[in-house]
Amino acid sequence: EQWLEQQQSPSSTTSKPLSPAVSILLLGTIVLDSVNMAPHAGKGTERDARAMQALMENTDWSTLSSTNSCSSILSKSQDDDSIVPDTNQLFQALQNAKFDAIFWNQLSVRNALRLDYKAFIIPNSHGMVLGLSTVLLPWKDVAQKKDLWSSIQHYMQVEAKVHVLGLMMTSTTDDGTFQRELLLCEVNNNKSKDNQSNLVLNPLIEQLMAPQSDENTVDLQLVEYPDSPLDTTGSDLTVRLFHQGNAKASRKQVAPILIQRLESLATSKL
């Protein structure tokens, strides 16, 4: 936006086009994050639209036409014969790469957890941290990963240093239905079953499963799997697994709910 303002400024004497190599990266980021500005997704903003238009209009795309990796996403502009990216083709190419099951299945547990990870400090909790990793595989595939539980525990304690870790798993079923699953993990180093005062996972889940009194709170529609809590023999993890009926609720909606519930639990113990 700053670049665009400078270009449109009356005092500007030069108008240098953007590098196509940089522009395609920026355009791809916006297209993927906004679901190609699809209205039904509700993710694209006016700022996204302005940025996309600026990139399309202020980039010399012709040099990309000779690049084999980019040729499939280029097309002739409807306004003239210039070569420009086809955002539909670009989105589909990025979406296919993003959800590539072969890629995700080949990742180690550590790499799958950290590829799309965000941490959140819980207010009024004396430093409690929630971590959320988006993993683009169904639980049945995640469960097959080598050293799953020990790797999750090591990631939580040594690398991320989080108290609660959520794996937000997304996938498409055989009939084409988009689905979400949620795995919530907590490390329990206290072997005594009589002293569980510092643990928050089970109380957190009780709050998540309780009827919602606030109409403004997003209902995740969580349904716990029959074999949950899962058997995590060989680790100190407590793990609960859910089907998330509200498939539209992404991390942007899930994180605030978990943060609010964890803050409530933290303040109730003060």
Protein backbone atom coordinates (compact mmCIF):
# COMPACT_ATOMS: atom_id res chain seq x y z
CA GLU A 1 0.00 0.00 0.00
CA GLN A 2 2.87 2.40 0.75
CA TRP A 3 4.39 1.61 -2.65
CA LEU A 4 1.06 2.25 -4.37
CA GLU A 5 0.63 5.58 -2.57
CA GLN A 6 4.11 6.63 -3.67
CA GLN A 7 3.38 5.67 -7.28
CA GLN A 8 0.14 7.65 -7.29
CA SER A 9 1.66 10.68 -5.57
CA PRO A 10 1.81 13.84 -7.73
CA SER A 11 5.43 14.29 -6.68
CA SER A 12 6.41 10.89 -8.05
CA THR A 13 8.59 11.22 -11.17
CA THR A 14 9.14 7.54 -11.85
CA SER A 15 6.87 4.55 -12.11
CA LYS A 16 8.92 1.41 -11.79
CA PRO A 17 7.01 -1.83 -12.28
CA LEU A 18 7.13 -4.44 -9.56
CA SER A 19 9.30 -7.51 -9.96
CA PRO A 20 7.11 -10.37 -11.29
CA ALA A 21 8.97 -12.84 -9.08
CA VAL A 22 7.99 -10.85 -5.99
CA SER A 23 4.51 -10.03 -7.24
CA ILE A 24 3.56 -13.66 -7.89
CA LEU A 25 4.58 -14.55 -4.33
CA LEU A 26 2.52 -11.70 -2.89
CA LEU A 27 -0.42 -12.42 -5.15
CA GLY A 28 -0.32 -16.12 -4.29
CA THR A 29 -0.33 -15.35 -0.57
CA ILE A 30 -3.42 -13.15 -0.87
CA VAL A 31 -5.24 -15.52 -3.22
CA LEU A 32 -4.66 -18.53 -0.96
CA ASP A 33 -5.49 -16.75 2.30
CA SER A 34 -8.67 -15.17 0.89
CA VAL A 35 -9.81 -18.35 -0.94
CA ASN A 36 -9.45 -16.36 -4.17
CA MET A 37 -11.81 -13.69 -2.79
CA ALA A 38 -14.75 -16.10 -2.92
CA PRO A 39 -17.75 -14.40 -1.25
CA HIS A 40 -18.95 -17.65 0.37
CA ALA A 41 -15.62 -18.00 2.21
CA GLY A 42 -15.95 -14.56 3.76
CA LYS A 43 -12.19 -14.11 4.12
CA GLY A 44 -11.30 -11.54 1.47
CA THR A 45 -11.18 -7.88 2.51
CA GLU A 46 -11.22 -4.58 0.60
CA ARG A 47 -7.54 -4.26 1.42
CA ASP A 48 -6.91 -7.65 -0.21
CA ALA A 49 -8.81 -6.56 -3.32
CA ARG A 50 -6.84 -3.31 -3.59
CA ALA A 51 -3.54 -5.14 -3.17
CA MET A 52 -4.44 -7.72 -5.83
CA GLN A 53 -5.45 -5.00 -8.29
CA ALA A 54 -2.24 -3.06 -7.63
CA LEU A 55 -0.11 -6.16 -8.19
CA MET A 56 -1.94 -7.08 -11.40
CA GLU A 57 -1.72 -3.59 -12.86
CA ASN A 58 1.78 -2.60 -11.80
CA THR A 59 3.77 -5.70 -12.71
CA ASP A 60 5.37 -6.64 -16.00
CA TRP A 61 4.22 -10.26 -16.15
CA SER A 62 5.66 -10.99 -19.60
CA THR A 63 8.95 -12.32 -18.23
CA LEU A 64 7.10 -15.10 -16.44
CA SER A 65 5.67 -16.53 -19.65
CA SER A 66 8.97 -18.25 -20.45
CA THR A 67 9.09 -19.94 -17.04
CA ASN A 68 7.71 -23.48 -17.25
CA SER A 69 6.61 -23.51 -13.61
CA CYS A 70 4.45 -20.42 -14.16
CA SER A 71 3.11 -21.02 -17.67
CA SER A 72 0.04 -22.92 -16.45
CA ILE A 73 -1.20 -19.98 -14.37
CA LEU A 74 -0.85 -17.29 -17.04
CA SER A 75 -3.48 -16.13 -19.50
CA LYS A 76 -4.27 -13.19 -21.77
CA SER A 77 -5.92 -10.21 -20.18
CA GLN A 78 -9.54 -9.52 -21.18
CA ASP A 79 -8.70 -5.83 -21.61
CA ASP A 80 -5.76 -6.33 -23.98
CA ASP A 81 -3.42 -9.07 -25.14
CA SER A 82 -1.01 -8.70 -22.23
CA ILE A 83 -0.07 -11.77 -20.19
CA VAL A 84 -1.34 -11.81 -16.60
CA PRO A 85 -1.83 -14.46 -13.93
CA ASP A 86 -5.14 -16.28 -13.89
CA THR A 87 -6.06 -16.11 -10.20
CA ASN A 88 -8.35 -19.14 -10.51
CA GLN A 89 -5.51 -21.27 -11.86
CA LEU A 90 -3.08 -19.82 -9.32
CA PHE A 91 -5.42 -20.57 -6.43
CA GLN A 92 -6.03 -24.14 -7.60
CA ALA A 93 -2.32 -24.84 -8.02
CA LEU A 94 -1.54 -23.51 -4.54
CA GLN A 95 -4.52 -25.29 -2.99
CA ASN A 96 -3.44 -28.61 -4.51
CA ALA A 97 0.08 -28.14 -3.16
CA LYS A 98 -1.19 -27.08 0.26
CA PHE A 99 -3.38 -30.16 0.69
CA ASP A 100 -0.94 -32.63 -0.91
CA ALA A 101 -1.44 -35.74 1.24
CA ILE A 102 1.84 -37.28 0.07
CA PHE A 103 3.71 -34.20 1.31
CA TRP A 104 1.95 -34.15 4.68
CA ASN A 105 2.32 -37.88 5.24
CA GLN A 106 6.06 -37.68 4.61
CA LEU A 107 6.54 -35.01 7.27
CA SER A 108 7.86 -35.98 10.68
CA VAL A 109 5.62 -35.17 13.63
CA ARG A 110 7.85 -32.23 14.55
CA ASN A 111 7.72 -30.72 11.07
CA ALA A 112 3.97 -31.26 10.77
CA LEU A 113 3.44 -29.45 14.08
CA ARG A 114 5.64 -26.47 13.30
CA LEU A 115 4.74 -25.91 9.64
CA ASP A 116 1.60 -23.89 10.44
CA TYR A 117 1.86 -23.11 14.14
CA LYS A 118 0.83 -20.18 16.32
CA ALA A 119 1.27 -19.60 20.04
CA PHE A 120 -1.00 -17.57 22.31
CA ILE A 121 -0.20 -16.30 25.81
CA ILE A 122 -3.24 -16.65 28.07
CA PRO A 123 -4.07 -13.36 29.85
CA ASN A 124 -4.04 -13.33 33.67
CA SER A 125 -2.53 -16.81 33.82
CA HIS A 126 1.06 -16.16 34.95
CA GLY A 127 2.47 -17.26 31.62
CA MET A 128 0.25 -20.10 30.43
CA VAL A 129 0.74 -20.70 26.70
CA LEU A 130 -1.63 -22.30 24.18
CA GLY A 131 -0.22 -23.65 20.93
CA LEU A 132 -2.30 -24.43 17.85
CA SER A 133 -0.94 -26.38 14.87
CA THR A 134 -2.90 -26.76 11.66
CA VAL A 135 -2.25 -30.18 10.11
CA LEU A 136 -3.82 -30.95 6.74
CA LEU A 137 -4.43 -34.64 7.33
CA PRO A 138 -7.24 -36.66 8.90
CA TRP A 139 -6.62 -38.12 12.34
CA LYS A 140 -6.37 -41.65 10.95
CA ASP A 141 -3.25 -40.60 9.01
CA VAL A 142 -1.75 -38.51 11.81
CA ALA A 143 -2.12 -41.51 14.11
CA GLN A 144 0.19 -43.53 11.87
CA LYS A 145 3.14 -41.17 12.23
CA LYS A 146 6.24 -42.62 13.88
CA ASP A 147 6.83 -41.75 17.56
CA LEU A 148 3.68 -39.65 17.62
CA TRP A 149 3.21 -39.21 21.37
CA SER A 150 6.84 -38.83 22.35
CA SER A 151 7.34 -36.33 19.52
CA ILE A 152 4.32 -34.27 20.58
CA GLN A 153 5.50 -34.25 24.19
CA HIS A 154 9.03 -33.20 23.20
CA TYR A 155 7.65 -30.43 20.98
CA MET A 156 5.41 -29.14 23.77
CA GLN A 157 8.05 -29.21 26.50
CA VAL A 158 11.30 -28.45 24.71
CA GLU A 159 10.55 -26.48 21.54
CA ALA A 160 7.21 -24.70 21.86
CA LYS A 161 7.08 -24.67 25.68
CA VAL A 162 3.28 -24.74 25.79
CA HIS A 163 0.88 -25.94 28.43
CA VAL A 164 -1.86 -27.00 26.02
CA LEU A 165 -1.36 -27.95 22.37
CA GLY A 166 -4.16 -28.27 19.85
CA LEU A 167 -3.84 -30.07 16.52
CA MET A 168 -6.43 -28.68 14.15
CA MET A 169 -6.70 -31.39 11.50
CA THR A 170 -8.48 -30.69 8.22
CA SER A 171 -9.16 -33.08 5.37
CA THR A 172 -11.65 -34.09 2.72
CA THR A 173 -13.62 -37.32 3.03
CA ASP A 174 -14.07 -39.81 0.18
CA ASP A 175 -17.39 -38.19 -0.75
CA GLY A 176 -15.75 -34.74 -0.98
CA THR A 177 -16.95 -33.40 2.36
CA PHE A 178 -14.58 -30.99 4.12
CA GLN A 179 -14.07 -31.99 7.75
CA ARG A 180 -12.24 -30.78 10.83
CA GLU A 181 -10.92 -32.74 13.79
CA LEU A 182 -9.40 -31.36 16.97
CA LEU A 183 -6.79 -33.06 19.14
CA LEU A 184 -6.08 -31.38 22.49
CA CYS A 185 -2.94 -32.36 24.41
CA GLU A 186 -1.50 -31.65 27.85
CA VAL A 187 1.64 -32.97 29.54
CA ASN A 188 1.02 -34.52 32.94
CA ASN A 189 4.38 -34.97 34.69
CA ASN A 190 2.68 -35.56 38.02
CA LYS A 191 2.34 -39.31 38.43
CA SER A 192 0.11 -38.91 41.49
CA LYS A 193 -3.54 -39.10 40.55
CA ASP A 194 -4.42 -37.34 43.84
CA ASN A 195 -2.88 -34.01 42.89
CA GLN A 196 -4.15 -32.72 39.55
CA SER A 197 -4.63 -29.06 40.56
CA ASN A 198 -2.26 -27.68 37.92
CA LEU A 199 -3.85 -29.50 35.00
CA VAL A 200 -6.34 -27.68 32.82
CA LEU A 201 -7.21 -29.92 29.88
CA ASN A 202 -10.15 -31.81 31.36
CA PRO A 203 -11.72 -28.69 32.95
CA LEU A 204 -11.19 -26.88 29.64
CA ILE A 205 -13.07 -29.58 27.78
CA GLU A 206 -15.89 -29.52 30.31
CA GLN A 207 -16.34 -25.84 29.50
CA LEU A 208 -16.14 -26.43 25.76
CA MET A 209 -18.79 -29.15 25.90
CA ALA A 210 -21.16 -27.22 28.17
CA PRO A 211 -24.19 -25.44 26.60
CA GLN A 212 -23.25 -21.97 25.41
CA SER A 213 -25.11 -19.12 27.13
CA ASP A 214 -23.48 -16.36 25.06
CA GLU A 215 -25.15 -16.05 21.66
CA ASN A 216 -22.04 -14.35 20.28
CA THR A 217 -19.81 -17.34 21.03
CA VAL A 218 -19.12 -19.61 18.07
CA ASP A 219 -20.36 -23.15 18.66
CA LEU A 220 -17.62 -25.54 17.56
CA GLN A 221 -20.06 -28.48 17.72
CA LEU A 222 -17.48 -30.80 19.26
CA VAL A 223 -18.23 -34.51 19.48
CA GLU A 224 -15.68 -36.59 21.35
CA TYR A 225 -14.53 -39.79 19.69
CA PRO A 226 -15.53 -43.04 21.47
CA ASP A 227 -11.90 -44.05 22.20
CA SER A 228 -11.01 -40.65 23.69
CA PRO A 229 -9.08 -40.00 25.94
CA LEU A 230 -6.54 -41.78 23.76
CA ASP A 231 -3.99 -44.33 24.92
CA THR A 232 -0.66 -42.49 25.07
CA THR A 233 1.42 -45.24 26.65
CA GLY A 234 5.10 -44.32 26.74
CA SER A 235 4.48 -40.61 27.25
CA ASP A 236 3.15 -38.27 29.93
CA LEU A 237 0.43 -36.91 27.69
CA THR A 238 -3.27 -36.59 28.30
CA VAL A 239 -5.01 -36.38 24.92
CA ARG A 240 -8.64 -35.84 23.92
CA LEU A 241 -9.90 -36.19 20.32
CA PHE A 242 -12.97 -34.56 18.77
CA HIS A 243 -14.86 -34.25 15.54
CA GLN A 244 -15.56 -30.55 14.95
CA GLY A 245 -19.02 -30.30 13.47
CA ASN A 246 -18.65 -26.61 12.70
CA ALA A 247 -16.26 -26.99 9.77
CA LYS A 248 -16.29 -23.25 9.03
CA ALA A 249 -14.57 -22.45 12.33
CA SER A 250 -10.86 -22.06 11.55
CA ARG A 251 -8.06 -21.14 13.94
CA LYS A 252 -9.25 -17.53 13.86
CA GLN A 253 -12.46 -18.66 15.56
CA VAL A 254 -11.12 -21.57 17.63
CA ALA A 255 -8.19 -19.72 19.23
CA PRO A 256 -10.27 -16.97 20.92
CA ILE A 257 -12.63 -19.58 22.36
CA LEU A 258 -9.81 -21.63 23.85
CA ILE A 259 -8.03 -18.53 25.13
CA GLN A 260 -11.18 -17.28 26.84
CA ARG A 261 -11.84 -20.63 28.51
CA LEU A 262 -8.23 -21.04 29.66
CA GLU A 263 -8.19 -17.50 31.07
CA SER A 264 -11.37 -18.27 32.98
CA LEU A 265 -9.79 -21.41 34.45
CA ALA A 266 -6.58 -19.58 35.33
CA THR A 267 -8.34 -16.72 37.12
CA SER A 268 -10.61 -19.10 39.03
CA LYS A 269 -7.51 -20.67 40.62
CA LEU A 270 -6.08 -17.35 41.82
